[in-house]
Amino acid sequence: MQETYSRIHFPALPRFERRPAVFIDRDGVIVEEVGYLHKVEDLRFIPGSLEAIVRLNHAGFWQWRSQSGWCGRGYYGWPEFETVQHHIEGVC
C-alpha cells in the first residue's frame, strides 16, 4: 500500500511571530530621488520620513524597503548598497 502525505510525519516548524507589515519604496518616499542612489553623500531624507519610520518601528511594524537599481540591474554593487543602507538604518 502506498504511503500518503497525510500519514508522513513532518517535524513541527517554529511559528513565526505575526505582526503587521508595510512595504515602502525607498527612493522618492524616504529619500529624495537621485537616480540609483549608491553614495551616502547623495543621500537626502524627505522631511518627515524618518519620523514616520521611527513611528512604524515603535508600533511593531515589519518593514521592507525596495530599491530597483542595486546589484540586480548592475548599476552598483553590493558594497555600495550596504554602505547606503547601513547609513539609513543608523539614522532610523
N, C-alpha and C. Protein backbone atom coordinates (compact mmCIF):
# COMPACT_ATOMS: atom_id res chain seq x y z
N MET A 1 0.85 -1.18 0.00
CA MET A 1 0.00 0.00 0.00
C MET A 1 0.89 1.24 0.00
N GLN A 2 0.59 2.17 -0.83
CA GLN A 2 1.40 3.38 -0.95
C GLN A 2 1.10 4.35 0.19
N GLU A 3 2.16 4.87 0.79
CA GLU A 3 2.03 5.85 1.89
C GLU A 3 1.49 7.17 1.34
N THR A 4 0.55 7.75 2.03
CA THR A 4 0.03 9.05 1.60
C THR A 4 0.70 10.15 2.40
N TYR A 5 0.64 11.38 1.86
CA TYR A 5 1.24 12.51 2.54
C TYR A 5 0.61 12.75 3.90
N SER A 6 -0.65 12.44 4.05
CA SER A 6 -1.31 12.69 5.33
C SER A 6 -0.76 11.80 6.44
N ARG A 7 -0.07 10.73 6.09
CA ARG A 7 0.48 9.82 7.09
C ARG A 7 1.96 10.05 7.35
N ILE A 8 2.58 10.89 6.55
CA ILE A 8 4.01 11.16 6.74
C ILE A 8 4.16 12.20 7.84
N HIS A 9 5.09 11.94 8.73
CA HIS A 9 5.32 12.86 9.83
C HIS A 9 6.36 13.90 9.42
N PHE A 10 6.00 15.16 9.51
CA PHE A 10 6.92 16.26 9.27
C PHE A 10 7.20 16.92 10.61
N PRO A 11 8.45 17.21 10.91
CA PRO A 11 8.74 17.88 12.19
C PRO A 11 8.06 19.24 12.25
N ALA A 12 7.66 19.62 13.43
CA ALA A 12 6.99 20.91 13.61
C ALA A 12 7.97 22.04 13.32
N LEU A 13 7.51 22.98 12.56
CA LEU A 13 8.32 24.17 12.27
C LEU A 13 8.00 25.23 13.30
N PRO A 14 8.98 26.05 13.66
CA PRO A 14 8.69 27.11 14.63
C PRO A 14 7.67 28.08 14.06
N ARG A 15 6.80 28.55 14.90
CA ARG A 15 5.80 29.53 14.47
C ARG A 15 6.45 30.90 14.43
N PHE A 16 6.18 31.62 13.36
CA PHE A 16 6.71 32.96 13.23
C PHE A 16 5.76 33.94 13.89
N GLU A 17 6.33 34.92 14.47
CA GLU A 17 5.53 35.97 15.09
C GLU A 17 4.74 36.68 14.01
N ARG A 18 3.46 36.77 14.22
CA ARG A 18 2.63 37.51 13.27
C ARG A 18 2.57 38.96 13.71
N ARG A 19 2.82 39.83 12.76
CA ARG A 19 2.73 41.26 13.04
C ARG A 19 2.48 41.99 11.73
N PRO A 20 1.97 43.19 11.83
CA PRO A 20 1.66 43.91 10.59
C PRO A 20 2.93 44.27 9.84
N ALA A 21 2.79 44.45 8.54
CA ALA A 21 3.93 44.80 7.69
C ALA A 21 3.56 45.98 6.82
N VAL A 22 4.59 46.70 6.42
CA VAL A 22 4.42 47.80 5.49
C VAL A 22 5.56 47.71 4.47
N PHE A 23 5.22 47.91 3.20
CA PHE A 23 6.19 47.87 2.12
C PHE A 23 6.35 49.29 1.60
N ILE A 24 7.58 49.77 1.64
CA ILE A 24 7.86 51.18 1.33
C ILE A 24 8.91 51.27 0.23
N ASP A 25 8.64 52.10 -0.75
CA ASP A 25 9.65 52.38 -1.75
C ASP A 25 10.62 53.39 -1.15
N ARG A 26 11.88 53.09 -1.16
CA ARG A 26 12.86 53.97 -0.54
C ARG A 26 13.02 55.28 -1.29
N ASP A 27 13.34 55.19 -2.58
CA ASP A 27 13.65 56.37 -3.38
C ASP A 27 12.37 57.12 -3.73
N GLY A 28 12.32 58.38 -3.34
CA GLY A 28 11.16 59.20 -3.60
C GLY A 28 10.12 59.16 -2.49
N VAL A 29 10.32 58.28 -1.50
CA VAL A 29 9.40 58.18 -0.37
C VAL A 29 10.14 58.46 0.94
N ILE A 30 11.25 57.79 1.15
CA ILE A 30 12.07 58.01 2.35
C ILE A 30 13.19 59.00 2.04
N VAL A 31 13.81 58.81 0.90
CA VAL A 31 14.90 59.70 0.48
C VAL A 31 14.56 60.32 -0.87
N GLU A 32 15.18 61.44 -1.15
CA GLU A 32 14.94 62.10 -2.43
C GLU A 32 15.47 61.24 -3.57
N GLU A 33 14.74 61.26 -4.66
CA GLU A 33 15.13 60.52 -5.86
C GLU A 33 16.34 61.19 -6.50
N VAL A 34 17.43 60.43 -6.64
CA VAL A 34 18.65 60.97 -7.26
C VAL A 34 19.12 60.10 -8.42
N GLY A 35 18.35 59.10 -8.76
CA GLY A 35 18.76 58.21 -9.85
C GLY A 35 19.74 57.16 -9.38
N TYR A 36 19.23 56.05 -8.89
CA TYR A 36 20.04 54.93 -8.42
C TYR A 36 21.04 55.34 -7.33
N LEU A 37 20.49 55.74 -6.22
CA LEU A 37 21.28 56.16 -5.07
C LEU A 37 22.26 55.07 -4.66
N HIS A 38 23.54 55.40 -4.64
CA HIS A 38 24.55 54.44 -4.20
C HIS A 38 25.73 55.11 -3.49
N LYS A 39 25.60 56.40 -3.19
CA LYS A 39 26.63 57.11 -2.45
C LYS A 39 25.97 57.87 -1.30
N VAL A 40 26.55 57.73 -0.11
CA VAL A 40 26.00 58.39 1.08
C VAL A 40 25.94 59.90 0.88
N GLU A 41 26.90 60.47 0.18
CA GLU A 41 26.91 61.93 0.00
C GLU A 41 25.73 62.42 -0.84
N ASP A 42 25.06 61.52 -1.57
CA ASP A 42 23.88 61.90 -2.35
C ASP A 42 22.58 61.70 -1.57
N LEU A 43 22.68 61.20 -0.36
CA LEU A 43 21.51 60.85 0.44
C LEU A 43 20.87 62.08 1.07
N ARG A 44 19.59 62.31 0.76
CA ARG A 44 18.82 63.42 1.32
C ARG A 44 17.46 62.86 1.75
N PHE A 45 17.17 62.92 3.04
CA PHE A 45 15.90 62.40 3.54
C PHE A 45 14.77 63.37 3.23
N ILE A 46 13.63 62.82 2.87
CA ILE A 46 12.43 63.62 2.65
C ILE A 46 11.90 64.03 4.03
N PRO A 47 11.57 65.30 4.20
CA PRO A 47 11.09 65.76 5.51
C PRO A 47 9.92 64.90 6.03
N GLY A 48 10.05 64.47 7.27
CA GLY A 48 9.02 63.67 7.93
C GLY A 48 9.18 62.17 7.74
N SER A 49 10.02 61.75 6.80
CA SER A 49 10.15 60.32 6.53
C SER A 49 10.81 59.57 7.68
N LEU A 50 11.83 60.15 8.29
CA LEU A 50 12.49 59.47 9.41
C LEU A 50 11.54 59.32 10.60
N GLU A 51 10.78 60.35 10.86
CA GLU A 51 9.82 60.28 11.96
C GLU A 51 8.79 59.19 11.70
N ALA A 52 8.36 59.06 10.46
CA ALA A 52 7.39 58.02 10.10
C ALA A 52 7.98 56.63 10.30
N ILE A 53 9.24 56.43 9.91
CA ILE A 53 9.90 55.13 10.09
C ILE A 53 10.00 54.80 11.57
N VAL A 54 10.40 55.77 12.38
CA VAL A 54 10.51 55.55 13.83
C VAL A 54 9.15 55.17 14.41
N ARG A 55 8.09 55.85 13.98
CA ARG A 55 6.75 55.53 14.47
C ARG A 55 6.33 54.12 14.07
N LEU A 56 6.66 53.71 12.86
CA LEU A 56 6.37 52.34 12.43
C LEU A 56 7.14 51.33 13.28
N ASN A 57 8.40 51.64 13.55
CA ASN A 57 9.22 50.76 14.40
C ASN A 57 8.59 50.60 15.78
N HIS A 58 8.21 51.71 16.39
CA HIS A 58 7.62 51.68 17.73
C HIS A 58 6.27 50.97 17.75
N ALA A 59 5.55 51.02 16.64
CA ALA A 59 4.25 50.36 16.54
C ALA A 59 4.38 48.86 16.24
N GLY A 60 5.61 48.39 16.03
CA GLY A 60 5.83 46.96 15.81
C GLY A 60 5.68 46.48 14.39
N PHE A 61 5.69 47.41 13.43
CA PHE A 61 5.57 47.01 12.03
C PHE A 61 6.87 46.44 11.51
N TRP A 62 6.77 45.37 10.74
CA TRP A 62 7.89 44.86 9.97
C TRP A 62 7.94 45.68 8.70
N GLN A 63 9.13 46.10 8.29
CA GLN A 63 9.25 46.99 7.13
C GLN A 63 10.12 46.36 6.04
N TRP A 64 9.71 46.58 4.83
CA TRP A 64 10.50 46.20 3.67
C TRP A 64 10.63 47.42 2.79
N ARG A 65 11.86 47.81 2.50
CA ARG A 65 12.10 48.98 1.65
C ARG A 65 12.71 48.49 0.35
N SER A 66 12.12 48.89 -0.76
CA SER A 66 12.60 48.40 -2.05
C SER A 66 13.47 49.43 -2.75
N GLN A 67 14.41 48.91 -3.52
CA GLN A 67 15.28 49.73 -4.37
C GLN A 67 15.41 48.98 -5.69
N SER A 68 15.24 49.68 -6.78
CA SER A 68 15.23 48.99 -8.07
C SER A 68 16.59 48.92 -8.76
N GLY A 69 17.55 49.72 -8.37
CA GLY A 69 18.77 49.80 -9.16
C GLY A 69 19.93 48.98 -8.68
N TRP A 70 19.82 48.41 -7.51
CA TRP A 70 21.01 47.79 -6.93
C TRP A 70 21.53 46.63 -7.76
N CYS A 71 22.21 45.75 -7.17
CA CYS A 71 23.02 44.73 -7.85
C CYS A 71 22.31 44.02 -8.99
N GLY A 72 21.01 43.77 -8.86
CA GLY A 72 20.28 43.04 -9.89
C GLY A 72 20.34 43.70 -11.26
N ARG A 73 20.40 45.00 -11.29
CA ARG A 73 20.48 45.72 -12.57
C ARG A 73 21.90 46.11 -12.93
N GLY A 74 22.81 45.94 -12.00
CA GLY A 74 24.21 46.20 -12.28
C GLY A 74 24.64 47.64 -12.24
N TYR A 75 23.80 48.55 -11.73
CA TYR A 75 24.18 49.95 -11.68
C TYR A 75 25.19 50.22 -10.56
N TYR A 76 25.16 49.39 -9.55
CA TYR A 76 26.16 49.45 -8.49
C TYR A 76 26.20 48.11 -7.79
N GLY A 77 27.23 47.91 -6.99
CA GLY A 77 27.44 46.61 -6.36
C GLY A 77 26.91 46.53 -4.94
N TRP A 78 27.06 45.34 -4.39
CA TRP A 78 26.61 45.08 -3.03
C TRP A 78 27.29 45.99 -2.00
N PRO A 79 28.59 46.26 -2.10
CA PRO A 79 29.22 47.14 -1.10
C PRO A 79 28.60 48.54 -1.07
N GLU A 80 28.29 49.09 -2.24
CA GLU A 80 27.66 50.42 -2.28
C GLU A 80 26.26 50.37 -1.68
N PHE A 81 25.51 49.33 -2.00
CA PHE A 81 24.18 49.16 -1.43
C PHE A 81 24.25 49.09 0.09
N GLU A 82 25.15 48.25 0.61
CA GLU A 82 25.28 48.09 2.06
C GLU A 82 25.67 49.39 2.75
N THR A 83 26.57 50.15 2.16
CA THR A 83 27.02 51.40 2.76
C THR A 83 25.85 52.36 2.93
N VAL A 84 25.07 52.56 1.87
CA VAL A 84 23.92 53.46 1.95
C VAL A 84 22.88 52.91 2.92
N GLN A 85 22.58 51.62 2.84
CA GLN A 85 21.58 51.01 3.69
C GLN A 85 21.96 51.10 5.18
N HIS A 86 23.21 50.83 5.50
CA HIS A 86 23.67 50.93 6.90
C HIS A 86 23.55 52.36 7.40
N HIS A 87 23.82 53.31 6.54
CA HIS A 87 23.69 54.70 6.94
C HIS A 87 22.22 55.04 7.24
N ILE A 88 21.33 54.62 6.37
CA ILE A 88 19.90 54.86 6.60
C ILE A 88 19.45 54.20 7.89
N GLU A 89 19.81 52.95 8.09
CA GLU A 89 19.41 52.22 9.30
C GLU A 89 19.99 52.86 10.56
N GLY A 90 21.18 53.39 10.46
CA GLY A 90 21.80 54.06 11.62
C GLY A 90 21.09 55.33 12.02
N VAL A 91 20.49 56.00 11.06
CA VAL A 91 19.77 57.23 11.33
C VAL A 91 18.38 56.92 11.88
N CYS A 92 17.76 55.85 11.38
CA CYS A 92 16.41 55.49 11.82
C CYS A 92 16.49 54.82 13.18
